[in-house]
Structures are given as structure tokens and as C-alpha cells.
Amino acid sequence: QVQLVESGGGLVQPGGSLRLSCEASRPIISLGTMGWYRQAPGKQRELVALITNSGSTNYADSVKDRFTISRDNAKNTLYLQMNSLKSEDTDVYLCYYSRLGFRTDWGQGTQVTVSS
């Protein structure tokens, strides 16, 4: 089991940028897949981006060319750089860690609000 703590959310104007961080409690992030989901009240959770243990990445079509996922193994931290933010990006963003044979761990979420 690993504890995940997100940070970096907040209020930003349309067109602005934010960088989310997700720090893991143990130095194991390089062994599994990590990623970000987002969810609004009453809506289904949506996968935003993921990065595998080999460094491969995948993005939702709605965020391609605007968001970048990365990982710093030395800091046990996952990042999501979000540029050109739109009002429809407003959501709670949750990071997760997944490893074959183990349960998936989730962070508590960080609110991102894009509004003028």
C-alpha cells in the first residue's frame, strides 16, 4: 500500500496553467502505472492521463496537446502540467498508483477550478 497526496490545485482563469503534484509515501512509483483521473459531482470518473513503469504515456483526447504527465522517481512524485485550461477542465483531480497483483491506491483529490 502507498499513500498518495495531491497538491497544486486551485482557481485559474481560462487559458492559464496549473501543475498538479502527487507525492507517494514510498519509493515504488517506478514499479507501477500512475495517472490522473478527474471527477465532477454526479459525473463518471474520467481518465485524464497515465504513465507506465516504462515511461509510456497516454492521454484523454480532450487534454492531448494541453496536458503533460511526468514522473520524478527520485522524489516519488507524479506531475500533471496543465496548460491552456478551459472551463470544462474544472473538476476534482485524483492521482492513482496501480501495480499488477496489488490493489490500486488513490489520493484524496485536489480541486481545479477554471473560471474568469
Protein backbone atom coordinates (compact mmCIF):
# COMPACT_ATOMS: atom_id res chain seq x y z
CA GLN A 1 0.00 0.00 0.00
CA VAL A 2 1.16 3.51 -0.75
CA GLN A 3 -0.31 6.81 0.41
CA LEU A 4 -0.73 9.47 -2.25
CA VAL A 5 -1.03 13.18 -1.52
CA GLU A 6 -2.04 15.59 -4.27
CA SER A 7 -1.37 19.30 -4.33
CA GLY A 8 -1.32 22.18 -6.77
CA GLY A 9 -4.99 22.65 -7.46
CA GLY A 10 -6.72 25.99 -7.29
CA LEU A 11 -8.54 28.69 -9.18
CA VAL A 12 -7.19 29.77 -12.54
CA GLN A 13 -8.53 31.84 -15.42
CA PRO A 14 -9.29 30.26 -18.79
CA GLY A 15 -6.09 29.94 -20.79
CA GLY A 16 -3.99 29.70 -17.65
CA SER A 17 -1.80 26.91 -16.31
CA LEU A 18 -1.50 24.77 -13.23
CA ARG A 19 0.84 21.98 -12.20
CA LEU A 20 -0.54 19.21 -10.03
CA SER A 21 1.73 17.05 -7.91
CA CYS A 22 1.12 13.67 -6.34
CA GLU A 23 3.67 12.53 -3.79
CA ALA A 24 3.88 8.88 -2.86
CA SER A 25 4.80 7.71 0.62
CA ARG A 26 7.17 5.00 -0.62
CA PRO A 27 9.82 4.88 -3.37
CA ILE A 28 7.93 2.44 -5.56
CA ILE A 29 6.34 4.59 -8.22
CA SER A 30 8.75 3.33 -10.86
CA LEU A 31 7.34 -0.17 -10.39
CA GLY A 32 3.81 0.56 -11.49
CA THR A 33 1.50 2.74 -13.51
CA MET A 34 0.44 6.11 -12.19
CA GLY A 35 -2.08 8.52 -13.53
CA TRP A 36 -4.73 11.13 -13.02
CA TYR A 37 -8.48 10.85 -13.11
CA ARG A 38 -10.95 13.67 -12.75
CA GLN A 39 -14.48 13.66 -11.49
CA ALA A 40 -17.26 16.19 -11.00
CA PRO A 41 -20.23 15.60 -8.69
CA GLY A 42 -22.75 13.32 -10.36
CA LYS A 43 -20.45 12.52 -13.26
CA GLN A 44 -18.45 9.44 -14.14
CA ARG A 45 -14.76 9.43 -13.29
CA GLU A 46 -12.68 10.17 -16.39
CA LEU A 47 -9.11 9.08 -17.04
CA VAL A 48 -7.03 12.14 -17.87
CA ALA A 49 -3.52 10.74 -18.32
CA LEU A 50 -1.31 7.88 -17.25
CA ILE A 51 2.35 6.92 -17.30
CA THR A 52 3.55 3.34 -17.13
CA ASN A 53 6.59 1.96 -15.35
CA SER A 54 8.42 2.02 -18.69
CA GLY A 55 7.58 5.68 -19.22
CA SER A 56 4.89 5.31 -21.84
CA THR A 57 2.13 7.88 -21.61
CA ASN A 58 -1.49 8.05 -22.66
CA TYR A 59 -3.92 10.97 -22.64
CA ALA A 60 -7.62 11.55 -22.98
CA ASP A 61 -8.43 13.15 -26.32
CA SER A 62 -9.83 16.19 -24.52
CA VAL A 63 -6.46 17.06 -22.97
CA LYS A 64 -3.98 16.00 -25.65
CA ASP A 65 -1.51 18.74 -26.57
CA ARG A 66 -2.51 20.71 -23.45
CA PHE A 67 -1.59 18.43 -20.53
CA THR A 68 1.69 16.66 -19.85
CA ILE A 69 2.16 13.86 -17.35
CA SER A 70 5.60 13.17 -15.89
CA ARG A 71 7.23 11.39 -13.02
CA ASP A 72 10.27 12.06 -10.83
CA ASN A 73 11.29 8.74 -9.34
CA ALA A 74 13.88 10.30 -7.05
CA LYS A 75 11.20 12.46 -5.46
CA ASN A 76 8.49 9.76 -5.55
CA THR A 77 6.29 12.32 -7.24
CA LEU A 78 3.91 12.35 -10.18
CA TYR A 79 3.09 15.58 -12.00
CA LEU A 80 0.43 16.87 -14.34
CA GLN A 81 1.27 20.08 -16.16
CA MET A 82 -1.96 21.62 -17.40
CA ASN A 83 -1.81 24.42 -19.96
CA SER A 84 -4.46 26.29 -21.92
CA LEU A 85 -7.02 25.42 -19.29
CA LYS A 86 -10.70 25.56 -20.16
CA SER A 87 -13.81 25.84 -18.02
CA GLU A 88 -14.63 22.23 -18.84
CA ASP A 89 -11.40 21.17 -17.10
CA THR A 90 -12.99 22.14 -13.78
CA ASP A 91 -13.09 19.00 -11.66
CA VAL A 92 -11.58 17.20 -8.72
CA TYR A 93 -8.35 15.58 -9.89
CA LEU A 94 -7.27 12.33 -8.26
CA CYS A 95 -3.99 10.52 -8.72
CA TYR A 96 -3.66 6.76 -8.53
CA TYR A 97 -0.98 4.10 -8.36
CA SER A 98 -1.54 0.70 -9.88
CA ARG A 99 0.74 -2.34 -9.87
CA LEU A 100 -0.04 -5.84 -11.11
CA GLY A 101 -1.06 -8.08 -8.26
CA PHE A 102 -1.72 -5.24 -5.85
CA ARG A 103 -4.74 -3.08 -5.19
CA THR A 104 -4.96 0.37 -6.71
CA ASP A 105 -4.22 3.23 -4.33
CA TRP A 106 -5.84 6.66 -4.65
CA GLY A 107 -5.13 10.13 -3.42
CA GLN A 108 -7.73 12.31 -1.75
CA GLY A 109 -8.12 14.63 -4.73
CA THR A 110 -7.38 18.27 -5.46
CA GLN A 111 -9.89 20.77 -6.83
CA VAL A 112 -9.17 22.56 -10.08
CA THR A 113 -11.49 25.42 -10.97
CA VAL A 114 -11.16 27.26 -14.26
CA SER A 115 -13.19 30.44 -14.22
CA SER A 116 -12.93 34.11 -15.03
